[in-house]
Amino acid sequence: MALRTFVKISAVNNLSDARYCSGMQVNLMGFDLEENSKNFTTSEKFKEITDWLSGVRFVAEFEFSHPENILETLKSYGGFEFIQIKEEIHLKMLVNTEYGIILKTNIKSAGDIKELTAKADSYREHGVVLLLHSDNVELTKEVQAELKALAEKCSVLVGFGFHTGNILELIDQTGIKGIEMEGGDEIKPGLKDFDELADILELLEIED
């Protein structure tokens, strides 16, 4: 069993999500390491969850932390291969570290994607993966065309606008590296309502 595109799951905070997504062979699993976040994951909880997993790589997710604080925080953890940040200004202090870098960017229009395309060569040269989020942009033909142009120049993950009715079109028409979905809270320990996350993963599943 495999998935037909690259998949990252963000803000994982419980073993139910982690084991299910690992079993579905997602590629990356993100854990929130911002101490003031509701999904903050301690080093103890991270180890407790990841000791059950195999075949998936881990992303340390940060919002606003300074690179020096990020690298200091990671000394208390083991197993992370990627760092995710939102502040582009922090890239130059992190791109030459041992970690792969994911830059999470919020877009408000197709024009924002076009502006990213103008800088895409630099992202590619430094091995930066762009993760695009949006609160209001829909995956129109225009937006998909801009995503295709961007994906031709650097690695792009899309974390907005898709559902079971359009996910396959998004993958086929844009050539993006993959998608991101967010984990959720358990109803109670051991029980989880996966809803659309599970529906999309099962739609992407390729039978052996």
Protein backbone atom coordinates (compact mmCIF):
# COMPACT_ATOMS: atom_id res chain seq x y z
CA MET A 1 0.00 0.00 0.00
CA ALA A 2 1.17 3.54 -0.79
CA LEU A 3 -0.25 7.01 -1.39
CA ARG A 4 -0.32 8.60 -4.82
CA THR A 5 1.16 11.86 -3.55
CA PHE A 6 3.43 13.15 -0.81
CA VAL A 7 1.49 13.81 2.42
CA LYS A 8 2.39 15.80 5.53
CA ILE A 9 0.24 15.72 8.65
CA SER A 10 0.68 18.73 10.95
CA ALA A 11 0.04 19.42 14.64
CA VAL A 12 -0.06 15.76 15.63
CA ASN A 13 -0.82 15.61 19.36
CA ASN A 14 -2.03 12.07 20.05
CA LEU A 15 -1.11 8.48 19.41
CA SER A 16 -4.35 7.67 17.54
CA ASP A 17 -3.57 10.17 14.77
CA ALA A 18 0.05 9.17 14.68
CA ARG A 19 -0.51 5.43 14.39
CA TYR A 20 -3.29 5.76 11.84
CA CYS A 21 -1.30 8.14 9.62
CA SER A 22 1.84 6.06 9.93
CA GLY A 23 -0.14 3.00 8.91
CA MET A 24 -1.41 4.90 5.87
CA GLN A 25 2.22 5.62 4.96
CA VAL A 26 2.18 9.40 5.14
CA ASN A 27 5.62 10.90 4.50
CA LEU A 28 5.97 13.59 7.15
CA MET A 29 4.45 14.04 10.59
CA GLY A 30 4.65 17.45 12.24
CA PHE A 31 4.74 18.25 15.96
CA ASP A 32 4.17 21.74 17.36
CA LEU A 33 7.12 22.85 19.48
CA GLU A 34 5.96 26.40 20.25
CA GLU A 35 5.61 26.35 24.03
CA ASN A 36 2.57 28.67 24.14
CA SER A 37 0.64 26.70 21.53
CA LYS A 38 -2.37 24.57 22.45
CA ASN A 39 -0.77 21.66 20.56
CA PHE A 40 2.67 22.03 22.14
CA THR A 41 4.41 18.67 22.35
CA THR A 42 6.95 18.05 25.10
CA SER A 43 10.03 15.97 24.42
CA GLU A 44 8.57 13.25 26.65
CA LYS A 45 5.28 13.14 24.74
CA PHE A 46 7.09 13.23 21.41
CA LYS A 47 9.11 10.17 22.37
CA GLU A 48 6.06 8.44 23.80
CA ILE A 49 4.23 8.84 20.47
CA THR A 50 7.06 8.28 18.00
CA ASP A 51 8.38 5.15 19.71
CA TRP A 52 5.29 3.42 18.26
CA LEU A 53 5.94 4.57 14.70
CA SER A 54 8.06 3.51 11.76
CA GLY A 55 8.57 4.60 8.17
CA VAL A 56 7.65 8.26 8.70
CA ARG A 57 9.87 11.33 9.13
CA PHE A 58 9.23 14.08 11.65
CA VAL A 59 8.91 17.86 11.37
CA ALA A 60 9.49 20.30 14.24
CA GLU A 61 6.86 23.01 13.71
CA PHE A 62 7.49 26.57 14.88
CA GLU A 63 5.57 29.83 14.46
CA PHE A 64 7.68 32.76 15.61
CA SER A 65 10.66 31.36 17.53
CA HIS A 66 14.07 32.77 16.67
CA PRO A 67 16.41 30.30 14.92
CA GLU A 68 18.77 30.26 17.90
CA ASN A 69 15.88 29.24 20.16
CA ILE A 70 14.70 26.68 17.63
CA LEU A 71 18.07 24.95 17.50
CA GLU A 72 18.40 25.08 21.29
CA THR A 73 14.92 23.55 21.71
CA LEU A 74 15.75 20.69 19.36
CA LYS A 75 18.66 19.65 21.56
CA SER A 76 16.04 18.26 23.96
CA TYR A 77 14.44 16.14 21.24
CA GLY A 78 15.70 13.38 19.01
CA GLY A 79 14.44 12.22 15.62
CA PHE A 80 13.49 15.42 13.83
CA GLU A 81 14.72 15.74 10.24
CA PHE A 82 12.83 18.90 9.28
CA ILE A 83 12.10 22.33 10.73
CA GLN A 84 8.98 24.26 9.72
CA ILE A 85 8.94 28.05 10.14
CA LYS A 86 6.73 30.99 9.12
CA GLU A 87 9.26 33.83 9.21
CA GLU A 88 11.08 34.02 5.87
CA ILE A 89 13.75 36.24 7.41
CA HIS A 90 14.85 33.25 9.50
CA LEU A 91 15.67 31.11 6.47
CA LYS A 92 19.26 32.31 6.11
CA MET A 93 20.07 31.16 9.67
CA LEU A 94 18.60 27.67 9.17
CA VAL A 95 19.23 26.57 5.57
CA ASN A 96 22.79 25.44 6.30
CA THR A 97 21.88 23.35 9.34
CA GLU A 98 21.44 19.58 9.35
CA TYR A 99 17.66 19.99 8.97
CA GLY A 100 15.47 20.22 5.91
CA ILE A 101 13.45 23.45 5.90
CA ILE A 102 9.74 23.96 5.26
CA LEU A 103 8.52 27.56 4.92
CA LYS A 104 4.83 27.94 5.74
CA THR A 105 3.30 30.87 3.88
CA ASN A 106 -0.21 32.29 3.95
CA ILE A 107 -1.58 33.44 0.61
CA LYS A 108 -4.52 35.74 -0.04
CA SER A 109 -4.72 35.60 -3.84
CA ALA A 110 -3.33 34.00 -6.97
CA GLY A 111 -1.05 37.03 -7.16
CA ASP A 112 0.67 35.98 -3.94
CA ILE A 113 1.55 32.65 -5.54
CA LYS A 114 2.97 34.51 -8.54
CA GLU A 115 5.19 36.57 -6.22
CA LEU A 116 6.52 33.36 -4.68
CA THR A 117 7.31 32.03 -8.15
CA ALA A 118 9.63 35.00 -8.68
CA LYS A 119 11.69 33.78 -5.71
CA ALA A 120 11.33 30.07 -6.42
CA ASP A 121 14.84 29.57 -7.79
CA SER A 122 16.30 30.64 -4.45
CA TYR A 123 13.99 28.28 -2.55
CA ARG A 124 15.02 25.40 -4.78
CA GLU A 125 18.73 26.17 -4.52
CA HIS A 126 18.55 26.09 -0.74
CA GLY A 127 16.32 23.02 -0.60
CA VAL A 128 13.39 24.91 0.93
CA VAL A 129 9.93 23.35 0.63
CA LEU A 130 7.06 25.85 0.40
CA LEU A 131 3.92 25.02 2.37
CA LEU A 132 0.98 27.16 1.24
CA HIS A 133 -2.00 27.90 3.44
CA SER A 134 -4.98 30.19 2.95
CA ASP A 135 -8.16 31.14 4.78
CA ASN A 136 -10.03 32.40 1.73
CA VAL A 137 -8.43 31.28 -1.55
CA GLU A 138 -10.25 28.63 -3.58
CA LEU A 139 -8.60 26.26 -6.02
CA THR A 140 -9.88 27.95 -9.16
CA LYS A 141 -8.35 27.32 -12.58
CA GLU A 142 -6.34 30.53 -12.18
CA VAL A 143 -4.97 29.47 -8.80
CA GLN A 144 -4.16 25.99 -10.07
CA ALA A 145 -2.29 27.53 -13.02
CA GLU A 146 -0.19 29.64 -10.64
CA LEU A 147 0.45 26.59 -8.45
CA LYS A 148 1.62 24.67 -11.52
CA ALA A 149 4.05 27.46 -12.45
CA LEU A 150 5.41 27.56 -8.90
CA ALA A 151 5.67 23.77 -8.61
CA GLU A 152 7.74 23.66 -11.80
CA LYS A 153 10.42 25.72 -10.05
CA CYS A 154 10.45 24.45 -6.44
CA SER A 155 8.86 21.94 -4.08
CA VAL A 156 5.32 22.91 -3.06
CA LEU A 157 2.94 21.47 -0.49
CA VAL A 158 -0.66 22.71 -0.50
CA GLY A 159 -2.61 22.90 2.74
CA PHE A 160 -5.83 24.60 1.65
CA GLY A 161 -8.83 24.36 -0.64
CA PHE A 162 -8.93 20.64 -1.36
CA HIS A 163 -11.47 17.99 -0.44
CA THR A 164 -12.46 14.57 -1.69
CA GLY A 165 -14.13 16.10 -4.75
CA ASN A 166 -11.10 17.97 -6.10
CA ILE A 167 -7.95 16.47 -4.54
CA LEU A 168 -7.13 14.23 -7.51
CA GLU A 169 -7.55 17.10 -9.96
CA LEU A 170 -5.25 19.28 -7.83
CA ILE A 171 -2.51 16.66 -7.89
CA ASP A 172 -2.87 15.83 -11.58
CA GLN A 173 -3.19 19.39 -12.89
CA THR A 174 -0.57 21.22 -10.83
CA GLY A 175 2.35 18.84 -10.35
CA ILE A 176 2.75 19.91 -6.72
CA LYS A 177 4.99 17.84 -4.45
CA GLY A 178 2.04 17.00 -2.21
CA ILE A 179 -0.46 18.14 0.39
CA GLU A 180 -0.70 18.89 4.09
CA MET A 181 -3.55 18.08 6.47
CA GLU A 182 -3.89 18.78 10.17
CA GLY A 183 -4.31 16.25 12.93
CA GLY A 184 -6.95 16.79 15.60
CA ASP A 185 -7.81 16.17 19.21
CA GLU A 186 -8.93 12.79 20.43
CA ILE A 187 -12.54 12.46 21.57
CA LYS A 188 -11.01 10.63 24.51
CA PRO A 189 -7.76 8.66 24.72
CA GLY A 190 -7.74 5.96 22.08
CA LEU A 191 -10.85 7.14 20.23
CA LYS A 192 -10.66 9.49 17.27
CA ASP A 193 -13.02 10.88 14.62
CA PHE A 194 -10.83 11.16 11.53
CA ASP A 195 -13.54 12.47 9.21
CA GLU A 196 -12.16 14.14 6.10
CA LEU A 197 -8.53 13.37 6.89
CA ALA A 198 -9.24 9.66 6.65
CA ASP A 199 -11.50 10.10 3.60
CA ILE A 200 -8.75 11.87 1.68
CA LEU A 201 -6.00 9.45 2.69
CA GLU A 202 -8.16 6.51 1.64
CA LEU A 203 -8.90 8.22 -1.67
CA LEU A 204 -5.16 8.65 -2.25
CA GLU A 205 -4.40 5.05 -1.36
CA ILE A 206 -2.89 2.90 -4.10
CA GLU A 207 -3.41 -0.83 -3.79
CA ASP A 208 -0.32 -3.01 -4.11
